[in-house]
N, C-alpha and C. Protein backbone atom coordinates (compact mmCIF):
# COMPACT_ATOMS: atom_id res chain seq x y z
N UNK A 1 0.85 -1.18 0.00
CA UNK A 1 0.00 0.00 0.00
C UNK A 1 0.89 1.24 0.00
N UNK A 2 0.48 2.26 -0.74
CA UNK A 2 1.27 3.47 -0.83
C UNK A 2 1.16 4.27 0.46
N UNK A 3 1.95 5.34 0.55
CA UNK A 3 1.99 6.16 1.75
C UNK A 3 0.97 7.30 1.70
N UNK A 4 -0.05 7.17 0.88
CA UNK A 4 -1.07 8.22 0.81
C UNK A 4 -2.35 7.77 1.52
N UNK A 5 -3.20 8.73 1.76
CA UNK A 5 -4.50 8.45 2.37
C UNK A 5 -5.26 7.46 1.49
N UNK A 6 -5.96 6.49 2.07
CA UNK A 6 -6.71 5.54 1.25
C UNK A 6 -7.95 6.15 0.59
N UNK A 7 -8.42 7.30 1.11
CA UNK A 7 -9.49 8.06 0.46
C UNK A 7 -8.95 9.46 0.20
N UNK A 8 -9.05 9.89 -1.05
CA UNK A 8 -8.60 11.23 -1.41
C UNK A 8 -9.70 11.92 -2.21
N UNK A 9 -9.59 13.23 -2.30
CA UNK A 9 -10.55 14.01 -3.07
C UNK A 9 -9.86 15.26 -3.61
N UNK A 10 -10.45 15.83 -4.62
CA UNK A 10 -10.07 17.16 -5.06
C UNK A 10 -11.30 17.82 -5.67
N UNK A 11 -11.27 19.15 -5.73
CA UNK A 11 -12.41 19.90 -6.26
C UNK A 11 -11.91 20.82 -7.37
N UNK A 12 -12.60 20.75 -8.51
CA UNK A 12 -12.33 21.65 -9.62
C UNK A 12 -13.55 22.54 -9.81
N UNK A 13 -13.35 23.85 -9.74
CA UNK A 13 -14.40 24.82 -10.02
C UNK A 13 -14.46 24.97 -11.54
N UNK A 14 -15.44 24.34 -12.17
CA UNK A 14 -15.49 24.32 -13.63
C UNK A 14 -15.89 25.66 -14.22
N UNK A 15 -16.57 26.52 -13.46
CA UNK A 15 -16.88 27.87 -13.96
C UNK A 15 -15.61 28.70 -14.12
N UNK A 16 -14.72 28.58 -13.17
CA UNK A 16 -13.50 29.37 -13.19
C UNK A 16 -12.35 28.64 -13.87
N UNK A 17 -12.49 27.32 -14.05
CA UNK A 17 -11.42 26.53 -14.65
C UNK A 17 -10.21 26.42 -13.75
N UNK A 18 -10.47 26.42 -12.43
CA UNK A 18 -9.38 26.39 -11.45
C UNK A 18 -9.75 25.46 -10.30
N UNK A 19 -8.74 24.98 -9.58
CA UNK A 19 -9.04 24.21 -8.36
C UNK A 19 -9.78 25.10 -7.35
N UNK A 20 -10.66 24.48 -6.58
CA UNK A 20 -11.40 25.20 -5.54
C UNK A 20 -10.62 25.10 -4.24
N UNK A 21 -10.00 26.20 -3.84
CA UNK A 21 -9.17 26.24 -2.64
C UNK A 21 -9.99 26.64 -1.43
N UNK A 22 -9.54 26.17 -0.27
CA UNK A 22 -10.08 26.56 1.03
C UNK A 22 -11.54 26.13 1.23
N UNK A 23 -11.89 24.96 0.70
CA UNK A 23 -13.24 24.41 0.90
C UNK A 23 -13.18 23.40 2.05
N UNK A 24 -14.05 23.57 3.04
CA UNK A 24 -14.12 22.62 4.15
C UNK A 24 -14.72 21.31 3.64
N UNK A 25 -14.08 20.20 4.05
CA UNK A 25 -14.49 18.86 3.62
C UNK A 25 -14.61 17.98 4.87
N UNK A 26 -15.75 17.30 5.00
CA UNK A 26 -15.95 16.35 6.10
C UNK A 26 -16.18 14.97 5.52
N UNK A 27 -15.57 13.96 6.15
CA UNK A 27 -15.75 12.57 5.76
C UNK A 27 -16.36 11.83 6.93
N UNK A 28 -17.44 11.08 6.65
CA UNK A 28 -18.12 10.30 7.69
C UNK A 28 -18.33 8.88 7.18
N UNK A 29 -18.58 7.96 8.12
CA UNK A 29 -18.91 6.57 7.78
C UNK A 29 -20.26 6.25 8.40
N UNK A 30 -21.04 5.45 7.69
CA UNK A 30 -22.38 5.09 8.18
C UNK A 30 -22.30 3.94 9.16
N UNK A 31 -23.00 4.11 10.28
CA UNK A 31 -23.18 3.05 11.30
C UNK A 31 -24.68 2.94 11.54
N UNK A 32 -25.33 1.94 10.94
CA UNK A 32 -26.78 1.83 11.04
C UNK A 32 -27.42 3.03 10.37
N UNK A 33 -28.26 3.76 11.12
CA UNK A 33 -28.90 4.96 10.59
C UNK A 33 -28.11 6.23 10.90
N UNK A 34 -26.98 6.10 11.56
CA UNK A 34 -26.18 7.26 11.97
C UNK A 34 -24.94 7.39 11.11
N UNK A 35 -24.37 8.60 11.13
CA UNK A 35 -23.11 8.90 10.45
C UNK A 35 -22.11 9.31 11.52
N UNK A 36 -20.93 8.70 11.48
CA UNK A 36 -19.88 9.01 12.45
C UNK A 36 -18.72 9.71 11.74
N UNK A 37 -18.20 10.80 12.33
CA UNK A 37 -17.08 11.51 11.71
C UNK A 37 -15.85 10.62 11.60
N UNK A 38 -15.17 10.74 10.48
CA UNK A 38 -13.93 10.00 10.23
C UNK A 38 -12.76 10.97 10.10
N UNK A 39 -12.96 12.04 9.32
CA UNK A 39 -11.88 13.00 9.08
C UNK A 39 -12.47 14.30 8.54
N UNK A 40 -11.68 15.35 8.63
CA UNK A 40 -12.08 16.63 8.05
C UNK A 40 -10.83 17.39 7.64
N UNK A 41 -11.01 18.35 6.78
CA UNK A 41 -9.90 19.17 6.33
C UNK A 41 -10.40 20.27 5.42
N UNK A 42 -9.46 20.97 4.81
CA UNK A 42 -9.76 22.01 3.83
C UNK A 42 -8.90 21.78 2.60
N UNK A 43 -9.45 22.12 1.45
CA UNK A 43 -8.68 21.97 0.23
C UNK A 43 -7.55 23.00 0.18
N UNK A 44 -6.44 22.58 -0.40
CA UNK A 44 -5.29 23.47 -0.56
C UNK A 44 -5.43 24.27 -1.86
N UNK A 45 -4.38 24.99 -2.25
CA UNK A 45 -4.43 25.81 -3.46
C UNK A 45 -4.63 24.97 -4.73
N UNK A 46 -4.33 23.67 -4.65
CA UNK A 46 -4.53 22.77 -5.78
C UNK A 46 -5.89 22.06 -5.69
N UNK A 47 -6.74 22.46 -4.75
CA UNK A 47 -8.07 21.88 -4.60
C UNK A 47 -8.08 20.51 -3.94
N UNK A 48 -6.96 20.12 -3.32
CA UNK A 48 -6.84 18.79 -2.72
C UNK A 48 -6.76 18.88 -1.20
N UNK A 49 -7.21 17.83 -0.53
CA UNK A 49 -7.06 17.73 0.92
C UNK A 49 -5.91 16.76 1.16
N UNK A 50 -4.82 17.25 1.70
CA UNK A 50 -3.65 16.42 1.96
C UNK A 50 -3.82 15.65 3.27
N UNK A 51 -3.42 14.39 3.28
CA UNK A 51 -3.37 13.60 4.50
C UNK A 51 -4.70 13.45 5.21
N UNK A 52 -5.76 13.25 4.45
CA UNK A 52 -7.09 13.13 5.06
C UNK A 52 -7.13 11.98 6.07
N UNK A 53 -6.58 10.83 5.70
CA UNK A 53 -6.52 9.65 6.57
C UNK A 53 -5.10 9.12 6.58
N UNK A 54 -4.71 8.41 7.62
CA UNK A 54 -3.38 7.78 7.59
C UNK A 54 -3.37 6.63 6.58
N UNK A 55 -2.22 6.34 6.00
CA UNK A 55 -2.14 5.21 5.07
C UNK A 55 -2.57 3.91 5.75
N UNK A 56 -3.10 3.00 4.95
CA UNK A 56 -3.50 1.71 5.46
C UNK A 56 -4.87 1.30 4.95
N UNK A 57 -5.27 0.08 5.22
CA UNK A 57 -6.56 -0.39 4.73
C UNK A 57 -7.73 0.29 5.43
N UNK A 58 -8.84 0.37 4.73
CA UNK A 58 -10.07 0.97 5.23
C UNK A 58 -11.07 -0.11 5.61
N UNK A 59 -11.85 0.12 6.62
CA UNK A 59 -12.96 -0.81 6.87
C UNK A 59 -13.99 -0.70 5.74
N UNK A 60 -14.57 -1.83 5.36
CA UNK A 60 -15.67 -1.84 4.40
C UNK A 60 -16.78 -0.97 4.97
N UNK A 61 -17.49 -0.27 4.12
CA UNK A 61 -18.61 0.52 4.61
C UNK A 61 -19.06 1.57 3.62
N UNK A 62 -20.08 2.30 4.02
CA UNK A 62 -20.61 3.41 3.23
C UNK A 62 -20.08 4.69 3.84
N UNK A 63 -19.46 5.52 3.00
CA UNK A 63 -18.83 6.76 3.43
C UNK A 63 -19.54 7.95 2.78
N UNK A 64 -19.41 9.11 3.42
CA UNK A 64 -20.06 10.31 2.91
C UNK A 64 -19.10 11.50 3.01
N UNK A 65 -18.88 12.15 1.88
CA UNK A 65 -18.17 13.43 1.85
C UNK A 65 -19.22 14.53 1.88
N UNK A 66 -18.99 15.56 2.70
CA UNK A 66 -19.79 16.78 2.66
C UNK A 66 -18.83 17.93 2.39
N UNK A 67 -19.07 18.62 1.29
CA UNK A 67 -18.23 19.74 0.88
C UNK A 67 -19.00 21.04 1.15
N UNK A 68 -18.38 21.98 1.84
CA UNK A 68 -19.03 23.25 2.20
C UNK A 68 -18.95 24.23 1.02
N UNK A 69 -19.73 23.96 -0.01
CA UNK A 69 -19.67 24.73 -1.24
C UNK A 69 -20.25 26.14 -1.08
N UNK A 70 -21.24 26.30 -0.21
CA UNK A 70 -21.82 27.63 0.00
C UNK A 70 -20.81 28.62 0.53
N UNK A 71 -20.03 28.20 1.51
CA UNK A 71 -18.98 29.07 2.07
C UNK A 71 -17.96 29.44 0.99
N UNK A 72 -17.61 28.46 0.17
CA UNK A 72 -16.63 28.70 -0.91
C UNK A 72 -17.15 29.79 -1.86
N UNK A 73 -18.38 29.64 -2.34
CA UNK A 73 -18.90 30.63 -3.29
C UNK A 73 -19.12 31.99 -2.64
N UNK A 74 -19.55 32.01 -1.38
CA UNK A 74 -19.69 33.31 -0.67
C UNK A 74 -18.35 34.02 -0.58
N UNK A 75 -17.27 33.26 -0.36
CA UNK A 75 -15.94 33.88 -0.27
C UNK A 75 -15.52 34.54 -1.58
N UNK A 76 -16.14 34.11 -2.68
CA UNK A 76 -15.85 34.68 -4.00
C UNK A 76 -16.92 35.69 -4.43
N UNK A 77 -17.86 35.98 -3.51
CA UNK A 77 -18.99 36.87 -3.82
C UNK A 77 -19.80 36.36 -5.00
N UNK A 78 -20.00 35.04 -5.04
CA UNK A 78 -20.80 34.41 -6.09
C UNK A 78 -21.97 33.67 -5.47
N UNK A 79 -23.04 33.55 -6.23
CA UNK A 79 -24.21 32.81 -5.76
C UNK A 79 -24.05 31.33 -6.07
N UNK A 80 -24.73 30.53 -5.27
CA UNK A 80 -24.78 29.09 -5.51
C UNK A 80 -26.14 28.57 -5.12
N UNK A 81 -26.58 27.54 -5.79
CA UNK A 81 -27.84 26.89 -5.47
C UNK A 81 -27.64 25.85 -4.37
N UNK A 82 -26.43 25.31 -4.26
CA UNK A 82 -26.13 24.24 -3.32
C UNK A 82 -25.22 24.72 -2.20
N UNK A 83 -25.72 24.86 -0.96
CA UNK A 83 -24.86 25.25 0.14
C UNK A 83 -23.88 24.15 0.53
N UNK A 84 -24.23 22.91 0.19
CA UNK A 84 -23.34 21.76 0.43
C UNK A 84 -23.46 20.82 -0.76
N UNK A 85 -22.38 20.15 -1.07
CA UNK A 85 -22.39 19.04 -2.03
C UNK A 85 -22.11 17.79 -1.22
N UNK A 86 -22.97 16.81 -1.34
CA UNK A 86 -22.84 15.57 -0.57
C UNK A 86 -22.64 14.41 -1.54
N UNK A 87 -21.61 13.62 -1.27
CA UNK A 87 -21.30 12.47 -2.12
C UNK A 87 -21.18 11.24 -1.22
N UNK A 88 -22.00 10.24 -1.50
CA UNK A 88 -22.01 9.00 -0.72
C UNK A 88 -21.45 7.89 -1.61
N UNK A 89 -20.54 7.09 -1.07
CA UNK A 89 -19.92 6.02 -1.84
C UNK A 89 -19.62 4.84 -0.93
N UNK A 90 -19.38 3.68 -1.54
CA UNK A 90 -19.16 2.47 -0.75
C UNK A 90 -17.75 1.94 -0.96
N UNK A 91 -17.09 1.64 0.13
CA UNK A 91 -15.79 0.97 0.11
C UNK A 91 -16.06 -0.52 0.22
N UNK A 92 -15.76 -1.23 -0.87
CA UNK A 92 -15.99 -2.68 -0.89
C UNK A 92 -14.70 -3.46 -0.71
N UNK A 93 -13.60 -2.90 -1.19
CA UNK A 93 -12.31 -3.57 -1.09
C UNK A 93 -11.36 -2.70 -0.27
N UNK A 94 -11.12 -3.05 0.98
CA UNK A 94 -10.31 -2.21 1.88
C UNK A 94 -8.88 -1.96 1.40
N UNK A 95 -8.36 -2.78 0.50
CA UNK A 95 -6.98 -2.59 0.05
C UNK A 95 -6.88 -1.64 -1.15
N UNK A 96 -8.00 -1.23 -1.72
CA UNK A 96 -7.97 -0.31 -2.86
C UNK A 96 -7.93 1.15 -2.40
N UNK A 97 -7.50 1.99 -3.33
CA UNK A 97 -7.51 3.44 -3.11
C UNK A 97 -8.81 3.99 -3.67
N UNK A 98 -9.44 4.92 -2.95
CA UNK A 98 -10.69 5.53 -3.38
C UNK A 98 -10.48 7.03 -3.55
N UNK A 99 -10.53 7.49 -4.81
CA UNK A 99 -10.39 8.91 -5.11
C UNK A 99 -11.75 9.41 -5.60
N UNK A 100 -12.26 10.46 -4.95
CA UNK A 100 -13.60 10.97 -5.22
C UNK A 100 -13.50 12.45 -5.59
N UNK A 101 -13.31 12.77 -6.88
CA UNK A 101 -13.24 14.16 -7.30
C UNK A 101 -14.62 14.81 -7.35
N UNK A 102 -14.65 16.12 -7.19
CA UNK A 102 -15.88 16.89 -7.29
C UNK A 102 -15.67 17.96 -8.35
N UNK A 103 -16.54 17.95 -9.37
CA UNK A 103 -16.56 19.00 -10.39
C UNK A 103 -17.69 19.93 -10.00
N UNK A 104 -17.37 21.20 -9.79
CA UNK A 104 -18.28 22.12 -9.11
C UNK A 104 -18.56 23.36 -9.94
N UNK A 105 -19.83 23.76 -9.96
CA UNK A 105 -20.21 25.08 -10.46
C UNK A 105 -21.26 25.64 -9.49
N UNK A 106 -21.66 26.86 -9.68
CA UNK A 106 -22.60 27.47 -8.76
C UNK A 106 -23.99 26.84 -8.77
N UNK A 107 -24.32 26.16 -9.86
CA UNK A 107 -25.66 25.59 -9.97
C UNK A 107 -25.66 24.12 -10.32
N UNK A 108 -24.56 23.45 -10.03
CA UNK A 108 -24.52 22.01 -10.26
C UNK A 108 -23.19 21.43 -9.81
N UNK A 109 -23.17 20.13 -9.67
CA UNK A 109 -21.93 19.43 -9.37
C UNK A 109 -22.04 17.99 -9.84
N UNK A 110 -20.89 17.39 -10.09
CA UNK A 110 -20.85 15.98 -10.47
C UNK A 110 -19.60 15.37 -9.86
N UNK A 111 -19.57 14.05 -9.87
CA UNK A 111 -18.47 13.33 -9.28
C UNK A 111 -18.27 12.02 -10.04
N UNK A 112 -17.19 11.36 -9.77
CA UNK A 112 -16.89 10.07 -10.38
C UNK A 112 -15.84 9.39 -9.52
N UNK A 113 -15.62 8.10 -9.74
CA UNK A 113 -14.53 7.43 -9.04
C UNK A 113 -13.27 7.64 -9.86
N UNK A 114 -12.35 8.36 -9.29
CA UNK A 114 -11.09 8.65 -9.98
C UNK A 114 -10.04 7.62 -9.64
N UNK A 115 -8.81 7.93 -10.04
CA UNK A 115 -7.71 6.99 -9.78
C UNK A 115 -6.67 7.63 -8.89
């Protein structure tokens, strides 16, 4: 296993064509009907959260990223329809790396499983 976090993310502001810096990111794992915090951070100038989790295998489970997109757009004096972008995904193989990018605009967002 590499020395990077087993779950990584980055955000690209597609309206501006630039990484989205200084966005608060929370990662949680589902336990029954509840969500338990796993990690949090802020994106750097390259739109990435460094060292979100320590290297190593992940427990199988359903995870949720919550990105504070409203705060990001307010800091740029721009409007947004989504105060938060929420992405839920499942870790099925604990030895794999899970990269979850967010493509963001003021009135929409999309995601995919990256590499």
